[in-house]
């Protein structure tokens, strides 16, 4: 397996930082990782912009859901200034497929767009897993 390009490695590092509950609670760090034109479509279909996302994650009444587990992270450098990442997350039994676009700015890599799609576990055949 080949090593990822420096751009993909930087985007992966940024993405993993954004999954850290301590980073998610700090407006300055979030602001440094989210592009000024950031947009997100979350797993419930809600659309977020940068300011709304920062306020939601860092407000006094913001939920503190704890860490997420990321798996199957893959990245592709689409051009010199754009990286696409895909991966899955699990938090408290909730699963989501995720897709992110990272854009190179004058200050480094910033998350430009993110989308999450909820999914149910499947068995080896691809059918929904039976509840135990």
N, C-alpha and C. Protein backbone atom coordinates (compact mmCIF):
# COMPACT_ATOMS: atom_id res chain seq x y z
N UNK A 1 0.84 -1.17 0.00
CA UNK A 1 0.00 0.00 0.00
C UNK A 1 0.89 1.23 0.00
N UNK A 2 0.57 2.20 -0.84
CA UNK A 2 1.38 3.40 -0.94
C UNK A 2 0.98 4.40 0.13
N UNK A 3 1.93 5.23 0.50
CA UNK A 3 1.67 6.29 1.48
C UNK A 3 0.79 7.35 0.82
N UNK A 4 -0.11 7.97 1.61
CA UNK A 4 -0.93 9.04 1.04
C UNK A 4 -0.06 10.25 0.72
N UNK A 5 -0.55 11.06 -0.21
CA UNK A 5 0.16 12.30 -0.52
C UNK A 5 0.15 13.19 0.72
N UNK A 6 1.07 14.16 0.81
CA UNK A 6 1.05 15.09 1.95
C UNK A 6 -0.30 15.80 2.10
N UNK A 7 -0.95 16.10 0.98
CA UNK A 7 -2.25 16.76 1.04
C UNK A 7 -3.30 15.86 1.68
N UNK A 8 -3.34 14.60 1.27
CA UNK A 8 -4.30 13.65 1.85
C UNK A 8 -3.98 13.44 3.33
N UNK A 9 -2.71 13.31 3.66
CA UNK A 9 -2.32 13.13 5.07
C UNK A 9 -2.76 14.33 5.91
N UNK A 10 -2.63 15.54 5.38
CA UNK A 10 -3.05 16.74 6.12
C UNK A 10 -4.56 16.76 6.31
N UNK A 11 -5.30 16.36 5.27
CA UNK A 11 -6.76 16.33 5.39
C UNK A 11 -7.20 15.27 6.40
N UNK A 12 -6.58 14.11 6.38
CA UNK A 12 -6.90 13.06 7.36
C UNK A 12 -6.61 13.56 8.77
N UNK A 13 -5.47 14.19 8.96
CA UNK A 13 -5.14 14.73 10.28
C UNK A 13 -6.19 15.75 10.74
N UNK A 14 -6.59 16.63 9.85
CA UNK A 14 -7.62 17.61 10.20
C UNK A 14 -8.95 16.95 10.52
N UNK A 15 -9.33 15.96 9.74
CA UNK A 15 -10.60 15.25 9.96
C UNK A 15 -10.59 14.56 11.32
N UNK A 16 -9.49 13.89 11.65
CA UNK A 16 -9.40 13.22 12.95
C UNK A 16 -9.41 14.21 14.10
N UNK A 17 -8.81 15.36 13.90
CA UNK A 17 -8.88 16.41 14.93
C UNK A 17 -10.33 16.83 15.16
N UNK A 18 -11.10 16.96 14.08
CA UNK A 18 -12.49 17.38 14.21
C UNK A 18 -13.36 16.34 14.92
N UNK A 19 -12.92 15.10 14.98
CA UNK A 19 -13.67 14.07 15.71
C UNK A 19 -13.35 14.09 17.20
N UNK A 20 -12.33 14.81 17.61
CA UNK A 20 -11.91 14.88 19.01
C UNK A 20 -12.86 15.79 19.79
N UNK A 21 -13.49 15.29 20.85
CA UNK A 21 -14.42 16.11 21.62
C UNK A 21 -13.80 17.41 22.15
N UNK A 22 -12.52 17.41 22.50
CA UNK A 22 -11.88 18.63 23.00
C UNK A 22 -11.79 19.68 21.89
N UNK A 23 -11.49 19.25 20.70
CA UNK A 23 -11.42 20.18 19.56
C UNK A 23 -12.81 20.71 19.25
N UNK A 24 -13.81 19.83 19.28
CA UNK A 24 -15.18 20.22 18.97
C UNK A 24 -15.74 21.23 19.97
N UNK A 25 -15.15 21.32 21.14
CA UNK A 25 -15.63 22.25 22.17
C UNK A 25 -14.90 23.59 22.15
N UNK A 26 -13.92 23.76 21.27
CA UNK A 26 -13.09 24.96 21.26
C UNK A 26 -13.36 25.79 20.00
N UNK A 27 -14.02 26.96 20.14
CA UNK A 27 -14.37 27.74 18.96
C UNK A 27 -13.16 28.17 18.12
N UNK A 28 -12.05 28.52 18.77
CA UNK A 28 -10.88 28.97 18.02
C UNK A 28 -10.29 27.85 17.17
N UNK A 29 -10.20 26.66 17.74
CA UNK A 29 -9.65 25.53 16.98
C UNK A 29 -10.61 25.15 15.85
N UNK A 30 -11.90 25.09 16.15
CA UNK A 30 -12.87 24.79 15.09
C UNK A 30 -12.78 25.81 13.97
N UNK A 31 -12.69 27.08 14.35
CA UNK A 31 -12.60 28.14 13.36
C UNK A 31 -11.39 28.00 12.47
N UNK A 32 -10.31 27.47 13.01
CA UNK A 32 -9.09 27.30 12.20
C UNK A 32 -9.20 26.11 11.25
N UNK A 33 -10.09 25.17 11.54
CA UNK A 33 -10.23 23.97 10.72
C UNK A 33 -11.36 24.06 9.69
N UNK A 34 -12.33 24.94 9.95
CA UNK A 34 -13.48 25.07 9.04
C UNK A 34 -13.28 26.26 8.11
N UNK A 35 -13.42 26.02 6.83
CA UNK A 35 -13.30 27.06 5.81
C UNK A 35 -14.36 28.15 6.05
N UNK A 36 -14.09 29.41 5.73
CA UNK A 36 -15.11 30.45 5.91
C UNK A 36 -16.42 30.16 5.18
N UNK A 37 -16.37 29.43 4.06
CA UNK A 37 -17.58 29.08 3.30
C UNK A 37 -18.07 27.66 3.61
N UNK A 38 -17.67 27.11 4.74
CA UNK A 38 -18.03 25.74 5.13
C UNK A 38 -19.54 25.51 5.08
N UNK A 39 -19.91 24.34 4.59
CA UNK A 39 -21.30 23.87 4.60
C UNK A 39 -21.29 22.39 4.99
N UNK A 40 -22.37 21.98 5.66
CA UNK A 40 -22.53 20.58 6.03
C UNK A 40 -23.97 20.17 5.88
N UNK A 41 -24.16 18.94 5.43
CA UNK A 41 -25.47 18.29 5.47
C UNK A 41 -25.29 17.13 6.43
N UNK A 42 -25.97 17.21 7.58
CA UNK A 42 -25.76 16.18 8.60
C UNK A 42 -26.61 14.95 8.32
N UNK A 43 -26.46 13.93 9.17
CA UNK A 43 -27.13 12.65 8.92
C UNK A 43 -28.64 12.73 9.06
N UNK A 44 -29.16 13.84 9.62
CA UNK A 44 -30.60 14.04 9.70
C UNK A 44 -31.11 14.90 8.55
N UNK A 45 -30.20 15.33 7.66
CA UNK A 45 -30.60 16.13 6.51
C UNK A 45 -30.56 17.63 6.75
N UNK A 46 -30.14 18.06 7.94
CA UNK A 46 -30.06 19.50 8.22
C UNK A 46 -28.83 20.08 7.53
N UNK A 47 -28.97 21.33 7.08
CA UNK A 47 -27.88 22.04 6.43
C UNK A 47 -27.30 23.06 7.42
N UNK A 48 -25.97 23.07 7.53
CA UNK A 48 -25.27 23.94 8.47
C UNK A 48 -24.28 24.82 7.72
N UNK A 49 -24.07 26.04 8.25
CA UNK A 49 -22.94 26.83 7.78
C UNK A 49 -21.91 26.90 8.90
N UNK A 50 -20.81 27.54 8.64
CA UNK A 50 -19.69 27.56 9.59
C UNK A 50 -20.09 28.15 10.94
N UNK A 51 -20.71 29.32 10.93
CA UNK A 51 -21.06 29.98 12.18
C UNK A 51 -22.06 29.16 13.00
N UNK A 52 -23.05 28.60 12.32
CA UNK A 52 -24.05 27.79 13.03
C UNK A 52 -23.42 26.53 13.61
N UNK A 53 -22.50 25.91 12.87
CA UNK A 53 -21.85 24.70 13.37
C UNK A 53 -20.99 25.01 14.59
N UNK A 54 -20.20 26.06 14.51
CA UNK A 54 -19.35 26.42 15.65
C UNK A 54 -20.21 26.73 16.87
N UNK A 55 -21.27 27.49 16.68
CA UNK A 55 -22.16 27.82 17.80
C UNK A 55 -22.81 26.56 18.38
N UNK A 56 -23.23 25.65 17.52
CA UNK A 56 -23.88 24.43 17.98
C UNK A 56 -22.95 23.55 18.79
N UNK A 57 -21.70 23.46 18.36
CA UNK A 57 -20.74 22.57 19.03
C UNK A 57 -20.13 23.17 20.28
N UNK A 58 -20.09 24.50 20.38
CA UNK A 58 -19.35 25.12 21.48
C UNK A 58 -20.22 25.88 22.47
N UNK A 59 -21.51 25.99 22.23
CA UNK A 59 -22.39 26.72 23.12
C UNK A 59 -22.46 26.07 24.51
N UNK A 60 -22.88 26.87 25.49
CA UNK A 60 -22.98 26.36 26.86
C UNK A 60 -23.89 25.15 26.97
N UNK A 61 -24.95 25.13 26.15
CA UNK A 61 -25.91 24.02 26.21
C UNK A 61 -25.64 22.96 25.13
N UNK A 62 -24.45 23.02 24.50
CA UNK A 62 -24.11 22.06 23.45
C UNK A 62 -24.02 20.65 24.02
N UNK A 63 -24.55 19.66 23.31
CA UNK A 63 -24.42 18.28 23.78
C UNK A 63 -22.95 17.87 23.74
N UNK A 64 -22.56 17.07 24.67
CA UNK A 64 -21.19 16.53 24.73
C UNK A 64 -21.27 15.02 24.55
N UNK A 65 -21.43 14.59 23.27
CA UNK A 65 -21.71 13.17 23.01
C UNK A 65 -20.53 12.24 23.19
N UNK A 66 -19.33 12.74 23.33
CA UNK A 66 -18.18 11.87 23.47
C UNK A 66 -17.55 11.54 22.14
N UNK A 67 -16.53 10.71 22.17
CA UNK A 67 -15.77 10.43 20.95
C UNK A 67 -16.53 9.55 19.96
N UNK A 68 -16.13 9.68 18.72
CA UNK A 68 -16.62 8.83 17.64
C UNK A 68 -15.47 7.93 17.20
N UNK A 69 -15.83 6.77 16.70
CA UNK A 69 -14.84 5.87 16.13
C UNK A 69 -14.92 6.00 14.62
N UNK A 70 -13.78 6.27 13.99
CA UNK A 70 -13.72 6.38 12.53
C UNK A 70 -13.09 5.12 11.96
N UNK A 71 -13.60 4.68 10.81
CA UNK A 71 -13.03 3.51 10.13
C UNK A 71 -13.12 3.70 8.63
N UNK A 72 -12.36 2.90 7.92
CA UNK A 72 -12.38 2.86 6.45
C UNK A 72 -12.09 4.22 5.82
N UNK A 73 -11.22 5.02 6.46
CA UNK A 73 -10.92 6.34 5.91
C UNK A 73 -10.05 6.20 4.68
N UNK A 74 -10.50 6.85 3.62
CA UNK A 74 -9.77 6.87 2.34
C UNK A 74 -9.74 8.30 1.83
N UNK A 75 -8.67 8.65 1.16
CA UNK A 75 -8.56 10.00 0.62
C UNK A 75 -8.01 10.00 -0.78
N UNK A 76 -8.45 10.99 -1.55
CA UNK A 76 -7.97 11.19 -2.91
C UNK A 76 -7.69 12.67 -3.10
N UNK A 77 -6.51 12.97 -3.61
CA UNK A 77 -6.20 14.35 -3.95
C UNK A 77 -6.76 14.60 -5.34
N UNK A 78 -7.77 15.47 -5.42
CA UNK A 78 -8.45 15.71 -6.70
C UNK A 78 -7.67 16.69 -7.57
N UNK A 79 -6.99 17.63 -6.95
CA UNK A 79 -6.03 18.49 -7.62
C UNK A 79 -5.10 19.03 -6.54
N UNK A 80 -4.26 19.97 -6.86
CA UNK A 80 -3.28 20.45 -5.90
C UNK A 80 -3.88 21.09 -4.67
N UNK A 81 -5.13 21.55 -4.76
CA UNK A 81 -5.73 22.29 -3.66
C UNK A 81 -7.02 21.67 -3.13
N UNK A 82 -7.33 20.43 -3.51
CA UNK A 82 -8.60 19.83 -3.11
C UNK A 82 -8.41 18.34 -2.81
N UNK A 83 -8.88 17.92 -1.62
CA UNK A 83 -8.81 16.53 -1.20
C UNK A 83 -10.22 16.06 -0.83
N UNK A 84 -10.57 14.86 -1.27
CA UNK A 84 -11.84 14.24 -0.91
C UNK A 84 -11.57 13.06 0.02
N UNK A 85 -12.22 13.07 1.19
CA UNK A 85 -12.12 11.96 2.14
C UNK A 85 -13.47 11.27 2.27
N UNK A 86 -13.44 9.96 2.45
CA UNK A 86 -14.64 9.21 2.81
C UNK A 86 -14.27 8.30 3.97
N UNK A 87 -15.23 8.06 4.87
CA UNK A 87 -15.01 7.18 6.00
C UNK A 87 -16.35 6.92 6.68
N UNK A 88 -16.34 6.00 7.62
CA UNK A 88 -17.53 5.69 8.42
C UNK A 88 -17.25 6.07 9.86
N UNK A 89 -18.32 6.42 10.58
CA UNK A 89 -18.19 6.67 12.02
C UNK A 89 -19.23 5.87 12.79
N UNK A 90 -18.89 5.63 14.04
CA UNK A 90 -19.82 5.00 14.99
C UNK A 90 -19.72 5.76 16.29
N UNK A 91 -20.88 6.14 16.83
CA UNK A 91 -20.94 6.77 18.14
C UNK A 91 -22.22 6.29 18.81
N UNK A 92 -22.04 5.59 19.92
CA UNK A 92 -23.18 5.09 20.70
C UNK A 92 -24.17 4.32 19.83
N UNK A 93 -23.64 3.48 18.92
CA UNK A 93 -24.49 2.65 18.09
C UNK A 93 -25.02 3.33 16.84
N UNK A 94 -24.79 4.62 16.67
CA UNK A 94 -25.23 5.33 15.47
C UNK A 94 -24.11 5.30 14.44
N UNK A 95 -24.44 4.84 13.24
CA UNK A 95 -23.46 4.69 12.16
C UNK A 95 -23.72 5.73 11.08
N UNK A 96 -22.64 6.24 10.48
CA UNK A 96 -22.78 7.19 9.37
C UNK A 96 -21.65 7.01 8.38
N UNK A 97 -22.01 7.06 7.10
CA UNK A 97 -21.02 7.19 6.03
C UNK A 97 -20.74 8.68 5.93
N UNK A 98 -19.47 9.06 5.77
CA UNK A 98 -19.11 10.47 5.74
C UNK A 98 -18.25 10.79 4.52
N UNK A 99 -18.43 11.99 4.03
CA UNK A 99 -17.68 12.48 2.88
C UNK A 99 -17.29 13.93 3.15
N UNK A 100 -16.02 14.26 2.96
CA UNK A 100 -15.52 15.60 3.24
C UNK A 100 -14.66 16.10 2.09
N UNK A 101 -14.76 17.39 1.84
CA UNK A 101 -13.88 18.07 0.90
C UNK A 101 -13.02 19.06 1.67
N UNK A 102 -11.71 18.91 1.53
CA UNK A 102 -10.73 19.79 2.17
C UNK A 102 -10.07 20.65 1.10
N UNK A 103 -10.00 21.95 1.39
CA UNK A 103 -9.48 22.92 0.44
C UNK A 103 -8.24 23.59 1.02
N UNK A 104 -7.20 23.71 0.22
CA UNK A 104 -5.99 24.39 0.66
C UNK A 104 -6.21 25.89 0.60
N UNK A 105 -5.96 26.56 1.71
CA UNK A 105 -6.11 28.02 1.80
C UNK A 105 -4.73 28.62 2.07
N UNK A 106 -4.69 29.93 2.20
CA UNK A 106 -3.44 30.60 2.51
C UNK A 106 -2.88 30.24 3.88
N UNK A 107 -3.72 29.70 4.76
CA UNK A 107 -3.27 29.34 6.11
C UNK A 107 -3.20 27.83 6.33
N UNK A 108 -3.49 27.04 5.31
CA UNK A 108 -3.43 25.59 5.44
C UNK A 108 -4.70 24.93 4.94
N UNK A 109 -4.87 23.66 5.26
CA UNK A 109 -6.03 22.90 4.82
C UNK A 109 -7.23 23.19 5.71
N UNK A 110 -8.40 23.40 5.08
CA UNK A 110 -9.63 23.70 5.81
C UNK A 110 -10.76 22.86 5.24
N UNK A 111 -11.64 22.42 6.13
CA UNK A 111 -12.80 21.64 5.72
C UNK A 111 -13.80 22.57 5.04
N UNK A 112 -14.08 22.30 3.77
CA UNK A 112 -14.96 23.13 2.96
C UNK A 112 -16.39 22.60 2.94
N UNK A 113 -16.54 21.26 2.86
CA UNK A 113 -17.88 20.65 2.80
C UNK A 113 -17.84 19.29 3.46
N UNK A 114 -18.93 18.97 4.16
CA UNK A 114 -19.04 17.66 4.81
C UNK A 114 -20.47 17.17 4.70
N UNK A 115 -20.62 15.87 4.45
CA UNK A 115 -21.95 15.25 4.43
C UNK A 115 -21.88 13.93 5.16
N UNK A 116 -22.92 13.67 5.96
CA UNK A 116 -23.05 12.41 6.68
C UNK A 116 -24.38 11.76 6.29
N UNK A 117 -24.34 10.45 6.10
CA UNK A 117 -25.54 9.69 5.78
C UNK A 117 -25.63 8.53 6.76
N UNK A 118 -26.70 8.50 7.54
CA UNK A 118 -26.89 7.42 8.50
C UNK A 118 -27.10 6.11 7.76
N UNK A 119 -26.61 5.02 8.37
CA UNK A 119 -26.85 3.70 7.79
C UNK A 119 -26.99 2.68 8.91
N UNK A 120 -27.61 1.57 8.56
CA UNK A 120 -27.80 0.47 9.51
C UNK A 120 -26.74 -0.59 9.25
N UNK A 121 -26.35 -1.31 10.29
CA UNK A 121 -25.40 -2.40 10.08
C UNK A 121 -25.98 -3.46 9.14
N UNK A 122 -25.10 -4.11 8.41
CA UNK A 122 -25.53 -5.19 7.52
C UNK A 122 -24.76 -6.45 7.87
N UNK A 123 -25.31 -7.59 7.45
CA UNK A 123 -24.58 -8.85 7.63
C UNK A 123 -23.67 -9.07 6.42
N UNK A 124 -23.02 -10.19 6.35
CA UNK A 124 -22.07 -10.46 5.29
C UNK A 124 -22.72 -10.44 3.90
N UNK A 125 -24.02 -10.68 3.81
CA UNK A 125 -24.69 -10.70 2.50
C UNK A 125 -25.11 -9.30 2.07
N UNK A 126 -24.99 -8.31 2.99
CA UNK A 126 -25.43 -6.96 2.68
C UNK A 126 -26.82 -6.67 3.17
N UNK A 127 -27.48 -7.68 3.73
CA UNK A 127 -28.83 -7.47 4.28
C UNK A 127 -28.72 -6.83 5.65
N UNK A 128 -29.75 -6.08 6.06
CA UNK A 128 -29.73 -5.50 7.39
C UNK A 128 -29.49 -6.57 8.44
N UNK A 129 -28.63 -6.27 9.39
CA UNK A 129 -28.31 -7.23 10.45
C UNK A 129 -29.52 -7.40 11.36
N UNK A 130 -29.73 -8.63 11.80
CA UNK A 130 -30.83 -8.92 12.72
C UNK A 130 -30.52 -8.37 14.09
N UNK A 131 -31.54 -7.81 14.74
CA UNK A 131 -31.37 -7.35 16.12
C UNK A 131 -31.26 -8.55 17.05
N UNK A 132 -30.36 -8.44 18.01
CA UNK A 132 -30.22 -9.53 18.98
C UNK A 132 -31.14 -9.32 20.15
